[in-house]
Amino acid sequence: MIINLIIKPINKMNKQFLNKYYNGLKGFKVESFFLNDSDKSIEPFPTFTLRKGNQVLTIEISRDSEGNGGGFIFGLPSPN
């Protein structure tokens, strides 16, 4: 389902989902950061460990190498 949401153009329903999805970051603080280079065939993904109380998330940010399109953050909980 998420893959369908990042295909352009983003329609109104997908925009609403992405707004809810990224709002899931509110209140978290960054605890650590590293570049995930486990797949040597691609550029490393910026990877963050976030904490809010007892809840811990590890998120990875993808992008295309040209930087000319929107990215996507993997690892956030699905919004209700």
N, C-alpha and C. Protein backbone atom coordinates (compact mmCIF):
# COMPACT_ATOMS: atom_id res chain seq x y z
N MET A 1 0.82 -1.19 0.00
CA MET A 1 0.00 0.00 0.00
C MET A 1 0.86 1.26 0.00
N ILE A 2 1.91 1.29 0.79
CA ILE A 2 2.75 2.48 0.87
C ILE A 2 3.39 2.78 -0.47
N ILE A 3 3.81 1.76 -1.21
CA ILE A 3 4.43 1.98 -2.52
C ILE A 3 3.48 2.74 -3.43
N ASN A 4 2.20 2.40 -3.41
CA ASN A 4 1.23 3.10 -4.23
C ASN A 4 1.11 4.56 -3.84
N LEU A 5 1.39 4.89 -2.59
CA LEU A 5 1.23 6.25 -2.12
C LEU A 5 2.34 7.17 -2.60
N ILE A 6 3.48 6.64 -2.98
CA ILE A 6 4.58 7.51 -3.38
C ILE A 6 4.70 7.65 -4.89
N ILE A 7 3.83 6.98 -5.63
CA ILE A 7 3.81 7.14 -7.09
C ILE A 7 3.12 8.45 -7.42
N LYS A 8 3.74 9.23 -8.31
CA LYS A 8 3.17 10.53 -8.67
C LYS A 8 2.07 10.35 -9.69
N PRO A 9 1.07 11.22 -9.79
CA PRO A 9 0.85 12.33 -8.86
C PRO A 9 0.20 11.84 -7.57
N ILE A 10 0.45 12.54 -6.50
CA ILE A 10 -0.16 12.21 -5.22
C ILE A 10 -1.55 12.82 -5.20
N ASN A 11 -2.56 11.96 -5.03
CA ASN A 11 -3.92 12.47 -5.01
C ASN A 11 -4.30 12.93 -3.60
N LYS A 12 -5.50 13.46 -3.46
CA LYS A 12 -5.94 14.04 -2.18
C LYS A 12 -5.93 13.00 -1.06
N MET A 13 -6.40 11.77 -1.34
CA MET A 13 -6.42 10.72 -0.32
C MET A 13 -5.00 10.38 0.13
N ASN A 14 -4.08 10.26 -0.80
CA ASN A 14 -2.71 9.95 -0.45
C ASN A 14 -2.08 11.08 0.34
N LYS A 15 -2.38 12.33 -0.03
CA LYS A 15 -1.85 13.48 0.71
C LYS A 15 -2.33 13.45 2.15
N GLN A 16 -3.60 13.13 2.36
CA GLN A 16 -4.14 13.05 3.72
C GLN A 16 -3.44 11.95 4.51
N PHE A 17 -3.22 10.80 3.89
CA PHE A 17 -2.51 9.71 4.57
C PHE A 17 -1.09 10.14 4.94
N LEU A 18 -0.37 10.75 3.99
CA LEU A 18 1.01 11.16 4.26
C LEU A 18 1.07 12.22 5.36
N ASN A 19 0.11 13.14 5.39
CA ASN A 19 0.07 14.12 6.47
C ASN A 19 -0.08 13.44 7.82
N LYS A 20 -0.98 12.45 7.92
CA LYS A 20 -1.16 11.71 9.17
C LYS A 20 0.11 10.91 9.49
N TYR A 21 0.67 10.27 8.47
CA TYR A 21 1.86 9.43 8.65
C TYR A 21 3.03 10.24 9.21
N TYR A 22 3.33 11.38 8.59
CA TYR A 22 4.48 12.17 9.03
C TYR A 22 4.20 12.91 10.33
N ASN A 23 2.96 13.19 10.65
CA ASN A 23 2.64 13.78 11.95
C ASN A 23 2.95 12.82 13.08
N GLY A 24 3.13 11.54 12.76
CA GLY A 24 3.54 10.56 13.77
C GLY A 24 4.91 10.85 14.35
N LEU A 25 5.68 11.73 13.74
CA LEU A 25 7.00 12.12 14.25
C LEU A 25 6.93 13.11 15.40
N LYS A 26 5.79 13.77 15.57
CA LYS A 26 5.67 14.81 16.58
C LYS A 26 5.99 14.27 17.97
N GLY A 27 6.81 14.99 18.69
CA GLY A 27 7.13 14.64 20.06
C GLY A 27 8.34 13.74 20.23
N PHE A 28 8.85 13.17 19.14
CA PHE A 28 10.03 12.31 19.23
C PHE A 28 11.29 13.15 19.23
N LYS A 29 12.32 12.65 19.90
CA LYS A 29 13.63 13.29 19.91
C LYS A 29 14.65 12.33 19.31
N VAL A 30 15.60 12.90 18.59
CA VAL A 30 16.64 12.10 17.96
C VAL A 30 17.64 11.65 19.03
N GLU A 31 17.86 10.33 19.10
CA GLU A 31 18.86 9.77 20.03
C GLU A 31 20.16 9.45 19.32
N SER A 32 20.07 9.00 18.08
CA SER A 32 21.30 8.67 17.36
C SER A 32 21.05 8.76 15.87
N PHE A 33 22.14 8.77 15.12
CA PHE A 33 22.11 8.88 13.68
C PHE A 33 23.28 8.08 13.11
N PHE A 34 23.04 7.41 11.98
CA PHE A 34 24.14 6.80 11.22
C PHE A 34 23.71 6.66 9.78
N LEU A 35 24.68 6.44 8.90
CA LEU A 35 24.39 6.17 7.50
C LEU A 35 24.38 4.67 7.30
N ASN A 36 23.22 4.14 6.92
CA ASN A 36 23.06 2.70 6.72
C ASN A 36 23.61 2.33 5.36
N ASP A 37 24.81 1.78 5.35
CA ASP A 37 25.44 1.38 4.10
C ASP A 37 25.49 -0.14 3.96
N SER A 38 24.48 -0.83 4.51
CA SER A 38 24.46 -2.29 4.46
C SER A 38 24.29 -2.82 3.03
N ASP A 39 23.65 -2.04 2.17
CA ASP A 39 23.52 -2.42 0.76
C ASP A 39 24.53 -1.59 -0.03
N LYS A 40 25.64 -2.20 -0.42
CA LYS A 40 26.74 -1.47 -1.08
C LYS A 40 26.41 -1.03 -2.50
N SER A 41 25.28 -1.50 -3.04
CA SER A 41 24.93 -1.14 -4.41
C SER A 41 24.17 0.19 -4.50
N ILE A 42 23.80 0.76 -3.36
CA ILE A 42 23.08 2.03 -3.35
C ILE A 42 23.75 2.99 -2.37
N GLU A 43 23.43 4.29 -2.50
CA GLU A 43 23.94 5.26 -1.55
C GLU A 43 23.35 4.96 -0.16
N PRO A 44 24.09 5.25 0.90
CA PRO A 44 23.57 4.95 2.24
C PRO A 44 22.32 5.77 2.57
N PHE A 45 21.43 5.17 3.34
CA PHE A 45 20.24 5.86 3.81
C PHE A 45 20.54 6.50 5.16
N PRO A 46 20.20 7.80 5.35
CA PRO A 46 20.29 8.39 6.68
C PRO A 46 19.31 7.64 7.60
N THR A 47 19.81 7.19 8.74
CA THR A 47 19.02 6.39 9.67
C THR A 47 19.07 7.03 11.05
N PHE A 48 17.91 7.21 11.65
CA PHE A 48 17.79 7.88 12.94
C PHE A 48 17.09 6.96 13.94
N THR A 49 17.54 6.99 15.18
CA THR A 49 16.82 6.37 16.28
C THR A 49 16.14 7.49 17.04
N LEU A 50 14.82 7.37 17.21
CA LEU A 50 14.02 8.39 17.86
C LEU A 50 13.37 7.82 19.12
N ARG A 51 13.13 8.69 20.10
CA ARG A 51 12.49 8.25 21.34
C ARG A 51 11.45 9.26 21.78
N LYS A 52 10.31 8.73 22.25
CA LYS A 52 9.27 9.52 22.92
C LYS A 52 8.79 8.65 24.07
N GLY A 53 9.22 9.00 25.29
CA GLY A 53 8.91 8.16 26.45
C GLY A 53 9.56 6.80 26.28
N ASN A 54 8.75 5.74 26.37
CA ASN A 54 9.27 4.37 26.20
C ASN A 54 9.21 3.89 24.76
N GLN A 55 8.64 4.71 23.87
CA GLN A 55 8.52 4.32 22.47
C GLN A 55 9.78 4.69 21.70
N VAL A 56 10.37 3.71 21.01
CA VAL A 56 11.59 3.93 20.23
C VAL A 56 11.30 3.54 18.78
N LEU A 57 11.70 4.42 17.85
CA LEU A 57 11.56 4.15 16.43
C LEU A 57 12.92 4.24 15.76
N THR A 58 13.14 3.40 14.77
CA THR A 58 14.28 3.56 13.88
C THR A 58 13.71 3.89 12.52
N ILE A 59 14.09 5.05 11.99
CA ILE A 59 13.56 5.46 10.70
C ILE A 59 14.70 5.63 9.71
N GLU A 60 14.40 5.35 8.45
CA GLU A 60 15.36 5.54 7.36
C GLU A 60 14.74 6.47 6.33
N ILE A 61 15.54 7.37 5.80
CA ILE A 61 15.05 8.32 4.83
C ILE A 61 15.63 7.96 3.47
N SER A 62 14.74 7.71 2.51
CA SER A 62 15.18 7.39 1.16
C SER A 62 15.04 8.61 0.28
N ARG A 63 15.78 8.61 -0.81
CA ARG A 63 15.67 9.69 -1.79
C ARG A 63 16.28 9.17 -3.08
N ASP A 64 16.01 9.87 -4.17
CA ASP A 64 16.70 9.50 -5.39
C ASP A 64 18.04 10.25 -5.43
N SER A 65 18.97 9.74 -6.17
CA SER A 65 20.33 10.30 -6.14
C SER A 65 20.40 11.70 -6.74
N GLU A 66 19.43 12.08 -7.58
CA GLU A 66 19.43 13.43 -8.13
C GLU A 66 18.85 14.45 -7.15
N GLY A 67 18.08 13.98 -6.17
CA GLY A 67 17.46 14.89 -5.21
C GLY A 67 16.36 15.74 -5.81
N ASN A 68 15.77 15.29 -6.92
CA ASN A 68 14.75 16.10 -7.58
C ASN A 68 13.33 15.64 -7.32
N GLY A 69 13.16 14.75 -6.39
CA GLY A 69 11.82 14.28 -6.07
C GLY A 69 11.66 14.12 -4.58
N GLY A 70 10.44 13.93 -4.18
CA GLY A 70 10.16 13.76 -2.76
C GLY A 70 10.75 12.47 -2.22
N GLY A 71 11.04 12.47 -0.96
CA GLY A 71 11.57 11.28 -0.30
C GLY A 71 10.48 10.56 0.47
N PHE A 72 10.88 9.54 1.18
CA PHE A 72 9.93 8.80 2.01
C PHE A 72 10.66 8.33 3.25
N ILE A 73 10.01 8.45 4.39
CA ILE A 73 10.58 8.00 5.66
C ILE A 73 10.00 6.63 5.98
N PHE A 74 10.85 5.64 6.08
CA PHE A 74 10.45 4.30 6.45
C PHE A 74 10.58 4.13 7.96
N GLY A 75 9.65 3.38 8.58
CA GLY A 75 9.77 3.02 9.98
C GLY A 75 8.77 3.68 10.90
N LEU A 76 7.97 4.61 10.38
CA LEU A 76 6.95 5.23 11.23
C LEU A 76 5.76 4.29 11.39
N PRO A 77 5.09 4.36 12.54
CA PRO A 77 3.90 3.52 12.69
C PRO A 77 2.81 3.99 11.74
N SER A 78 1.96 3.06 11.30
CA SER A 78 0.84 3.42 10.43
C SER A 78 -0.15 4.26 11.23
N PRO A 79 -0.64 5.36 10.64
CA PRO A 79 -1.61 6.19 11.36
C PRO A 79 -2.97 5.50 11.42
N ASN A 80 -3.74 5.85 12.41
CA ASN A 80 -5.11 5.29 12.54
C ASN A 80 -6.05 5.98 11.60
